[in-house]
Protein backbone atom coordinates (compact mmCIF):
# COMPACT_ATOMS: atom_id res chain seq x y z
CA UNK A 1 0.00 0.00 0.00
CA UNK A 2 1.30 3.39 -0.89
CA UNK A 3 -0.99 5.40 1.38
CA UNK A 4 -0.76 5.75 5.13
CA UNK A 5 -3.12 4.05 7.52
CA UNK A 6 -5.10 5.87 10.19
CA UNK A 7 -3.22 5.24 13.44
CA UNK A 8 -6.02 3.21 15.05
CA UNK A 9 -5.91 0.51 12.35
CA UNK A 10 -3.73 -2.43 11.49
CA UNK A 11 -3.34 -2.96 7.75
CA UNK A 12 -5.69 -5.95 7.93
CA UNK A 13 -8.39 -4.01 9.80
CA UNK A 14 -8.07 -1.01 7.50
CA UNK A 15 -8.53 -3.19 4.42
CA UNK A 16 -11.55 -4.82 6.09
CA UNK A 17 -13.10 -1.37 6.44
CA UNK A 18 -12.22 -0.41 2.86
CA UNK A 19 -13.67 -3.69 1.54
CA UNK A 20 -16.78 -3.00 3.63
CA UNK A 21 -16.97 0.45 2.01
CA UNK A 22 -17.16 -1.15 -1.43
CA UNK A 23 -20.10 -3.27 -0.24
CA UNK A 24 -21.80 -0.22 1.30
CA UNK A 25 -21.46 1.63 -2.02
CA UNK A 26 -23.20 -1.23 -3.86
CA UNK A 27 -25.70 -2.49 -1.29
CA UNK A 28 -26.27 0.31 1.21
CA UNK A 29 -25.07 0.44 4.80
CA UNK A 30 -27.84 -1.57 6.47
CA UNK A 31 -27.58 -4.55 4.12
CA UNK A 32 -23.78 -4.45 4.02
CA UNK A 33 -23.59 -4.36 7.81
CA UNK A 34 -25.93 -7.34 8.09
CA UNK A 35 -24.34 -9.46 5.35
CA UNK A 36 -20.75 -8.24 4.93
CA UNK A 37 -19.73 -6.76 8.28
CA UNK A 38 -15.99 -6.31 8.67
CA UNK A 39 -14.16 -9.21 10.34
CA UNK A 40 -11.63 -7.14 12.25
CA UNK A 41 -8.70 -8.85 13.93
CA UNK A 42 -8.34 -6.41 16.83
CA UNK A 43 -10.73 -7.18 19.75
CA UNK A 44 -11.68 -3.52 20.24
CA UNK A 45 -12.62 -3.30 16.58
CA UNK A 46 -14.60 -6.54 16.84
CA UNK A 47 -16.64 -4.92 19.62
CA UNK A 48 -17.46 -2.03 17.29
CA UNK A 49 -18.89 -4.43 14.69
CA UNK A 50 -21.09 -6.06 17.34
CA UNK A 51 -23.01 -2.77 17.71
CA UNK A 52 -24.50 -1.47 14.44
CA UNK A 53 -24.56 2.11 15.77
CA UNK A 54 -20.86 2.02 16.66
CA UNK A 55 -20.05 0.55 13.25
CA UNK A 56 -22.01 3.33 11.53
CA UNK A 57 -20.21 5.94 13.63
CA UNK A 58 -16.81 4.43 12.81
CA UNK A 59 -17.64 4.14 9.12
CA UNK A 60 -18.95 7.71 8.86
CA UNK A 61 -15.93 9.06 10.73
CA UNK A 62 -13.48 7.18 8.48
CA UNK A 63 -15.30 7.78 5.17
CA UNK A 64 -13.09 10.75 4.14
CA UNK A 65 -9.94 8.67 4.81
CA UNK A 66 -11.43 5.72 2.91
CA UNK A 67 -12.20 7.93 -0.08
CA UNK A 68 -8.67 9.35 0.05
CA UNK A 69 -7.26 5.80 0.18
CA UNK A 70 -9.18 4.85 -2.98
CA UNK A 71 -7.87 7.98 -4.72
CA UNK A 72 -4.29 7.37 -3.58
CA UNK A 73 -4.19 3.69 -4.50
CA UNK A 74 -5.84 4.21 -7.87
CA UNK A 75 -5.48 1.19 -10.17
CA UNK A 76 -3.71 -0.77 -7.40
CA UNK A 77 -6.73 -0.55 -5.05
CA UNK A 78 -8.73 -3.42 -6.55
CA UNK A 79 -5.71 -5.76 -6.46
CA UNK A 80 -5.09 -4.86 -2.80
CA UNK A 81 -8.72 -5.49 -1.89
CA UNK A 82 -8.82 -8.80 -3.78
CA UNK A 83 -5.61 -9.98 -2.06
CA UNK A 84 -7.06 -8.91 1.28
CA UNK A 85 -10.34 -10.77 0.70
CA UNK A 86 -8.36 -13.92 -0.16
CA UNK A 87 -6.31 -13.55 3.05
CA UNK A 88 -9.45 -12.90 5.11
CA UNK A 89 -11.12 -16.02 3.69
CA UNK A 90 -8.00 -18.08 4.39
CA UNK A 91 -7.97 -16.88 8.01
CA UNK A 92 -11.63 -17.74 8.40
CA UNK A 93 -11.09 -21.25 7.01
CA UNK A 94 -8.04 -21.78 9.23
CA UNK A 95 -10.00 -20.72 12.33
CA UNK A 96 -12.66 -23.38 11.87
CA UNK A 97 -12.25 -26.54 13.92
CA UNK A 98 -14.73 -28.79 12.08
CA UNK A 99 -14.80 -30.05 8.51
CA UNK A 100 -15.59 -32.70 5.93
CA UNK A 101 -13.07 -34.27 3.56
CA UNK A 102 -14.80 -35.17 0.31
CA UNK A 103 -13.98 -38.16 -1.88
CA UNK A 104 -12.33 -35.78 -4.38
CA UNK A 105 -10.00 -34.46 -1.64
CA UNK A 106 -11.75 -31.12 -1.21
CA UNK A 107 -12.17 -30.01 2.43
CA UNK A 108 -15.29 -28.14 3.51
CA UNK A 109 -14.72 -26.30 6.79
CA UNK A 110 -17.58 -25.74 9.23
CA UNK A 111 -18.08 -23.37 12.14
CA UNK A 112 -19.68 -25.93 14.44
CA UNK A 113 -19.76 -29.67 14.92
CA UNK A 114 -23.54 -29.65 14.62
CA UNK A 115 -23.43 -27.92 11.24
CA UNK A 116 -20.72 -30.30 10.03
CA UNK A 117 -22.78 -33.34 11.01
CA UNK A 118 -25.96 -31.96 9.41
CA UNK A 119 -24.12 -31.09 6.21
CA UNK A 120 -22.47 -34.52 6.04
CA UNK A 121 -25.90 -36.13 6.49
CA UNK A 122 -27.37 -34.08 3.64
CA UNK A 123 -24.39 -34.92 1.45
CA UNK A 124 -24.82 -38.65 2.10
CA UNK A 125 -28.54 -38.39 1.33
CA UNK A 126 -27.82 -36.57 -1.95
CA UNK A 127 -24.77 -38.53 -3.10
CA UNK A 128 -26.72 -40.31 -5.84
CA UNK A 129 -27.54 -36.99 -7.50
CA UNK A 130 -25.19 -35.97 -10.31
CA UNK A 131 -22.38 -33.47 -9.63
CA UNK A 132 -22.63 -33.75 -5.84
CA UNK A 133 -19.59 -34.01 -3.64
CA UNK A 134 -19.51 -37.07 -1.44
CA UNK A 135 -18.15 -37.02 2.11
CA UNK A 136 -15.24 -39.37 2.82
CA UNK A 137 -14.40 -38.38 6.40
CA UNK A 138 -15.52 -36.11 9.22
CA UNK A 139 -12.74 -33.78 10.38
CA UNK A 140 -11.83 -32.08 13.62
CA UNK A 141 -8.81 -30.09 14.71
CA UNK A 142 -7.99 -29.00 18.20
CA UNK A 143 -6.33 -25.67 17.43
CA UNK A 144 -7.06 -23.20 14.64
CA UNK A 145 -4.90 -23.96 11.63
CA UNK A 146 -3.84 -27.28 13.13
CA UNK A 147 -3.77 -30.72 11.55
CA UNK A 148 -7.07 -32.39 10.77
CA UNK A 149 -8.04 -35.57 12.63
CA UNK A 150 -10.49 -37.68 10.69
CA UNK A 151 -13.07 -40.33 11.34
CA UNK A 152 -14.96 -42.27 8.64
CA UNK A 153 -18.28 -40.83 7.59
CA UNK A 154 -21.27 -42.87 8.77
CA UNK A 155 -23.02 -44.41 5.77
C-alpha atoms as a PDB file:
ATOM      1  CA  UNK A   1       0.000   0.000   0.000  1.00  0.00           C
ATOM      2  CA  UNK A   2       1.297   3.391  -0.892  1.00  0.00           C
ATOM      3  CA  UNK A   3      -0.993   5.402   1.378  1.00  0.00           C
ATOM      4  CA  UNK A   4      -0.765   5.749   5.130  1.00  0.00           C
ATOM      5  CA  UNK A   5      -3.121   4.047   7.522  1.00  0.00           C
ATOM      6  CA  UNK A   6      -5.097   5.872  10.187  1.00  0.00           C
ATOM      7  CA  UNK A   7      -3.216   5.237  13.438  1.00  0.00           C
ATOM      8  CA  UNK A   8      -6.017   3.207  15.051  1.00  0.00           C
ATOM      9  CA  UNK A   9      -5.908   0.515  12.352  1.00  0.00           C
ATOM     10  CA  UNK A  10      -3.731  -2.431  11.489  1.00  0.00           C
ATOM     11  CA  UNK A  11      -3.336  -2.958   7.749  1.00  0.00           C
ATOM     12  CA  UNK A  12      -5.695  -5.946   7.929  1.00  0.00           C
ATOM     13  CA  UNK A  13      -8.394  -4.014   9.803  1.00  0.00           C
ATOM     14  CA  UNK A  14      -8.070  -1.015   7.498  1.00  0.00           C
ATOM     15  CA  UNK A  15      -8.525  -3.194   4.421  1.00  0.00           C
ATOM     16  CA  UNK A  16     -11.547  -4.819   6.094  1.00  0.00           C
ATOM     17  CA  UNK A  17     -13.096  -1.372   6.445  1.00  0.00           C
ATOM     18  CA  UNK A  18     -12.221  -0.412   2.862  1.00  0.00           C
ATOM     19  CA  UNK A  19     -13.675  -3.691   1.536  1.00  0.00           C
ATOM     20  CA  UNK A  20     -16.778  -3.004   3.629  1.00  0.00           C
ATOM     21  CA  UNK A  21     -16.973   0.452   2.013  1.00  0.00           C
ATOM     22  CA  UNK A  22     -17.161  -1.149  -1.426  1.00  0.00           C
ATOM     23  CA  UNK A  23     -20.105  -3.269  -0.235  1.00  0.00           C
ATOM     24  CA  UNK A  24     -21.805  -0.220   1.295  1.00  0.00           C
ATOM     25  CA  UNK A  25     -21.461   1.627  -2.018  1.00  0.00           C
ATOM     26  CA  UNK A  26     -23.204  -1.227  -3.860  1.00  0.00           C
ATOM     27  CA  UNK A  27     -25.703  -2.494  -1.285  1.00  0.00           C
ATOM     28  CA  UNK A  28     -26.272   0.312   1.210  1.00  0.00           C
ATOM     29  CA  UNK A  29     -25.068   0.436   4.803  1.00  0.00           C
ATOM     30  CA  UNK A  30     -27.835  -1.575   6.468  1.00  0.00           C
ATOM     31  CA  UNK A  31     -27.584  -4.551   4.121  1.00  0.00           C
ATOM     32  CA  UNK A  32     -23.779  -4.446   4.019  1.00  0.00           C
ATOM     33  CA  UNK A  33     -23.588  -4.363   7.813  1.00  0.00           C
ATOM     34  CA  UNK A  34     -25.932  -7.342   8.090  1.00  0.00           C
ATOM     35  CA  UNK A  35     -24.340  -9.465   5.352  1.00  0.00           C
ATOM     36  CA  UNK A  36     -20.752  -8.237   4.933  1.00  0.00           C
ATOM     37  CA  UNK A  37     -19.735  -6.762   8.277  1.00  0.00           C
ATOM     38  CA  UNK A  38     -15.989  -6.312   8.669  1.00  0.00           C
ATOM     39  CA  UNK A  39     -14.159  -9.208  10.340  1.00  0.00           C
ATOM     40  CA  UNK A  40     -11.627  -7.143  12.247  1.00  0.00           C
ATOM     41  CA  UNK A  41      -8.696  -8.852  13.929  1.00  0.00           C
ATOM     42  CA  UNK A  42      -8.342  -6.410  16.832  1.00  0.00           C
ATOM     43  CA  UNK A  43     -10.725  -7.180  19.752  1.00  0.00           C
ATOM     44  CA  UNK A  44     -11.675  -3.525  20.238  1.00  0.00           C
ATOM     45  CA  UNK A  45     -12.617  -3.297  16.582  1.00  0.00           C
ATOM     46  CA  UNK A  46     -14.604  -6.543  16.841  1.00  0.00           C
ATOM     47  CA  UNK A  47     -16.642  -4.925  19.624  1.00  0.00           C
ATOM     48  CA  UNK A  48     -17.459  -2.032  17.287  1.00  0.00           C
ATOM     49  CA  UNK A  49     -18.886  -4.429  14.688  1.00  0.00           C
ATOM     50  CA  UNK A  50     -21.089  -6.056  17.344  1.00  0.00           C
ATOM     51  CA  UNK A  51     -23.010  -2.768  17.711  1.00  0.00           C
ATOM     52  CA  UNK A  52     -24.496  -1.469  14.444  1.00  0.00           C
ATOM     53  CA  UNK A  53     -24.555   2.113  15.769  1.00  0.00           C
ATOM     54  CA  UNK A  54     -20.859   2.016  16.657  1.00  0.00           C
ATOM     55  CA  UNK A  55     -20.053   0.549  13.248  1.00  0.00           C
ATOM     56  CA  UNK A  56     -22.012   3.325  11.533  1.00  0.00           C
ATOM     57  CA  UNK A  57     -20.212   5.939  13.632  1.00  0.00           C
ATOM     58  CA  UNK A  58     -16.805   4.426  12.808  1.00  0.00           C
ATOM     59  CA  UNK A  59     -17.643   4.145   9.118  1.00  0.00           C
ATOM     60  CA  UNK A  60     -18.954   7.711   8.858  1.00  0.00           C
ATOM     61  CA  UNK A  61     -15.932   9.064  10.732  1.00  0.00           C
ATOM     62  CA  UNK A  62     -13.481   7.178   8.484  1.00  0.00           C
ATOM     63  CA  UNK A  63     -15.302   7.782   5.173  1.00  0.00           C
ATOM     64  CA  UNK A  64     -13.094  10.747   4.140  1.00  0.00           C
ATOM     65  CA  UNK A  65      -9.944   8.671   4.813  1.00  0.00           C
ATOM     66  CA  UNK A  66     -11.432   5.722   2.914  1.00  0.00           C
ATOM     67  CA  UNK A  67     -12.201   7.935  -0.084  1.00  0.00           C
ATOM     68  CA  UNK A  68      -8.672   9.355   0.046  1.00  0.00           C
ATOM     69  CA  UNK A  69      -7.262   5.800   0.179  1.00  0.00           C
ATOM     70  CA  UNK A  70      -9.184   4.847  -2.983  1.00  0.00           C
ATOM     71  CA  UNK A  71      -7.874   7.982  -4.721  1.00  0.00           C
ATOM     72  CA  UNK A  72      -4.286   7.373  -3.581  1.00  0.00           C
ATOM     73  CA  UNK A  73      -4.186   3.686  -4.495  1.00  0.00           C
ATOM     74  CA  UNK A  74      -5.845   4.207  -7.865  1.00  0.00           C
ATOM     75  CA  UNK A  75      -5.477   1.189 -10.165  1.00  0.00           C
ATOM     76  CA  UNK A  76      -3.715  -0.766  -7.401  1.00  0.00           C
ATOM     77  CA  UNK A  77      -6.731  -0.553  -5.047  1.00  0.00           C
ATOM     78  CA  UNK A  78      -8.730  -3.419  -6.553  1.00  0.00           C
ATOM     79  CA  UNK A  79      -5.708  -5.756  -6.463  1.00  0.00           C
ATOM     80  CA  UNK A  80      -5.086  -4.859  -2.801  1.00  0.00           C
ATOM     81  CA  UNK A  81      -8.725  -5.492  -1.889  1.00  0.00           C
ATOM     82  CA  UNK A  82      -8.816  -8.798  -3.778  1.00  0.00           C
ATOM     83  CA  UNK A  83      -5.615  -9.985  -2.063  1.00  0.00           C
ATOM     84  CA  UNK A  84      -7.058  -8.910   1.284  1.00  0.00           C
ATOM     85  CA  UNK A  85     -10.335 -10.773   0.700  1.00  0.00           C
ATOM     86  CA  UNK A  86      -8.356 -13.922  -0.162  1.00  0.00           C
ATOM     87  CA  UNK A  87      -6.315 -13.548   3.053  1.00  0.00           C
ATOM     88  CA  UNK A  88      -9.446 -12.900   5.108  1.00  0.00           C
ATOM     89  CA  UNK A  89     -11.124 -16.018   3.689  1.00  0.00           C
ATOM     90  CA  UNK A  90      -7.997 -18.085   4.394  1.00  0.00           C
ATOM     91  CA  UNK A  91      -7.968 -16.876   8.010  1.00  0.00           C
ATOM     92  CA  UNK A  92     -11.635 -17.741   8.398  1.00  0.00           C
ATOM     93  CA  UNK A  93     -11.091 -21.254   7.009  1.00  0.00           C
ATOM     94  CA  UNK A  94      -8.041 -21.780   9.228  1.00  0.00           C
ATOM     95  CA  UNK A  95     -10.000 -20.716  12.328  1.00  0.00           C
ATOM     96  CA  UNK A  96     -12.663 -23.379  11.874  1.00  0.00           C
ATOM     97  CA  UNK A  97     -12.254 -26.541  13.920  1.00  0.00           C
ATOM     98  CA  UNK A  98     -14.730 -28.791  12.080  1.00  0.00           C
ATOM     99  CA  UNK A  99     -14.798 -30.052   8.511  1.00  0.00           C
ATOM    100  CA  UNK A 100     -15.590 -32.699   5.930  1.00  0.00           C
ATOM    101  CA  UNK A 101     -13.071 -34.268   3.560  1.00  0.00           C
ATOM    102  CA  UNK A 102     -14.799 -35.170   0.310  1.00  0.00           C
ATOM    103  CA  UNK A 103     -13.979 -38.156  -1.881  1.00  0.00           C
ATOM    104  CA  UNK A 104     -12.330 -35.782  -4.379  1.00  0.00           C
ATOM    105  CA  UNK A 105      -9.997 -34.462  -1.642  1.00  0.00           C
ATOM    106  CA  UNK A 106     -11.751 -31.119  -1.214  1.00  0.00           C
ATOM    107  CA  UNK A 107     -12.170 -30.008   2.430  1.00  0.00           C
ATOM    108  CA  UNK A 108     -15.288 -28.135   3.507  1.00  0.00           C
ATOM    109  CA  UNK A 109     -14.721 -26.297   6.795  1.00  0.00           C
ATOM    110  CA  UNK A 110     -17.580 -25.744   9.228  1.00  0.00           C
ATOM    111  CA  UNK A 111     -18.079 -23.370  12.135  1.00  0.00           C
ATOM    112  CA  UNK A 112     -19.677 -25.932  14.444  1.00  0.00           C
ATOM    113  CA  UNK A 113     -19.764 -29.668  14.919  1.00  0.00           C
ATOM    114  CA  UNK A 114     -23.540 -29.654  14.617  1.00  0.00           C
ATOM    115  CA  UNK A 115     -23.431 -27.922  11.241  1.00  0.00           C
ATOM    116  CA  UNK A 116     -20.715 -30.297  10.025  1.00  0.00           C
ATOM    117  CA  UNK A 117     -22.778 -33.339  11.015  1.00  0.00           C
ATOM    118  CA  UNK A 118     -25.962 -31.956   9.410  1.00  0.00           C
ATOM    119  CA  UNK A 119     -24.118 -31.093   6.207  1.00  0.00           C
ATOM    120  CA  UNK A 120     -22.473 -34.520   6.040  1.00  0.00           C
ATOM    121  CA  UNK A 121     -25.898 -36.130   6.492  1.00  0.00           C
ATOM    122  CA  UNK A 122     -27.366 -34.078   3.643  1.00  0.00           C
ATOM    123  CA  UNK A 123     -24.388 -34.923   1.452  1.00  0.00           C
ATOM    124  CA  UNK A 124     -24.815 -38.652   2.097  1.00  0.00           C
ATOM    125  CA  UNK A 125     -28.542 -38.386   1.332  1.00  0.00           C
ATOM    126  CA  UNK A 126     -27.822 -36.572  -1.950  1.00  0.00           C
ATOM    127  CA  UNK A 127     -24.775 -38.533  -3.097  1.00  0.00           C
ATOM    128  CA  UNK A 128     -26.719 -40.311  -5.837  1.00  0.00           C
ATOM    129  CA  UNK A 129     -27.542 -36.993  -7.502  1.00  0.00           C
ATOM    130  CA  UNK A 130     -25.188 -35.969 -10.313  1.00  0.00           C
ATOM    131  CA  UNK A 131     -22.382 -33.470  -9.633  1.00  0.00           C
ATOM    132  CA  UNK A 132     -22.625 -33.753  -5.841  1.00  0.00           C
ATOM    133  CA  UNK A 133     -19.594 -34.006  -3.638  1.00  0.00           C
ATOM    134  CA  UNK A 134     -19.511 -37.068  -1.436  1.00  0.00           C
ATOM    135  CA  UNK A 135     -18.151 -37.021   2.109  1.00  0.00           C
ATOM    136  CA  UNK A 136     -15.241 -39.367   2.820  1.00  0.00           C
ATOM    137  CA  UNK A 137     -14.395 -38.382   6.402  1.00  0.00           C
ATOM    138  CA  UNK A 138     -15.518 -36.106   9.217  1.00  0.00           C
ATOM    139  CA  UNK A 139     -12.743 -33.781  10.377  1.00  0.00           C
ATOM    140  CA  UNK A 140     -11.834 -32.084  13.617  1.00  0.00           C
ATOM    141  CA  UNK A 141      -8.814 -30.094  14.705  1.00  0.00           C
ATOM    142  CA  UNK A 142      -7.993 -29.002  18.202  1.00  0.00           C
ATOM    143  CA  UNK A 143      -6.332 -25.675  17.426  1.00  0.00           C
ATOM    144  CA  UNK A 144      -7.058 -23.199  14.644  1.00  0.00           C
ATOM    145  CA  UNK A 145      -4.904 -23.963  11.630  1.00  0.00           C
ATOM    146  CA  UNK A 146      -3.838 -27.282  13.129  1.00  0.00           C
ATOM    147  CA  UNK A 147      -3.772 -30.717  11.549  1.00  0.00           C
ATOM    148  CA  UNK A 148      -7.075 -32.390  10.774  1.00  0.00           C
ATOM    149  CA  UNK A 149      -8.042 -35.571  12.628  1.00  0.00           C
ATOM    150  CA  UNK A 150     -10.492 -37.679  10.695  1.00  0.00           C
ATOM    151  CA  UNK A 151     -13.075 -40.335  11.336  1.00  0.00           C
ATOM    152  CA  UNK A 152     -14.957 -42.269   8.644  1.00  0.00           C
ATOM    153  CA  UNK A 153     -18.278 -40.832   7.591  1.00  0.00           C
ATOM    154  CA  UNK A 154     -21.273 -42.873   8.771  1.00  0.00           C
ATOM    155  CA  UNK A 155     -23.024 -44.406   5.768  1.00  0.00           C
END
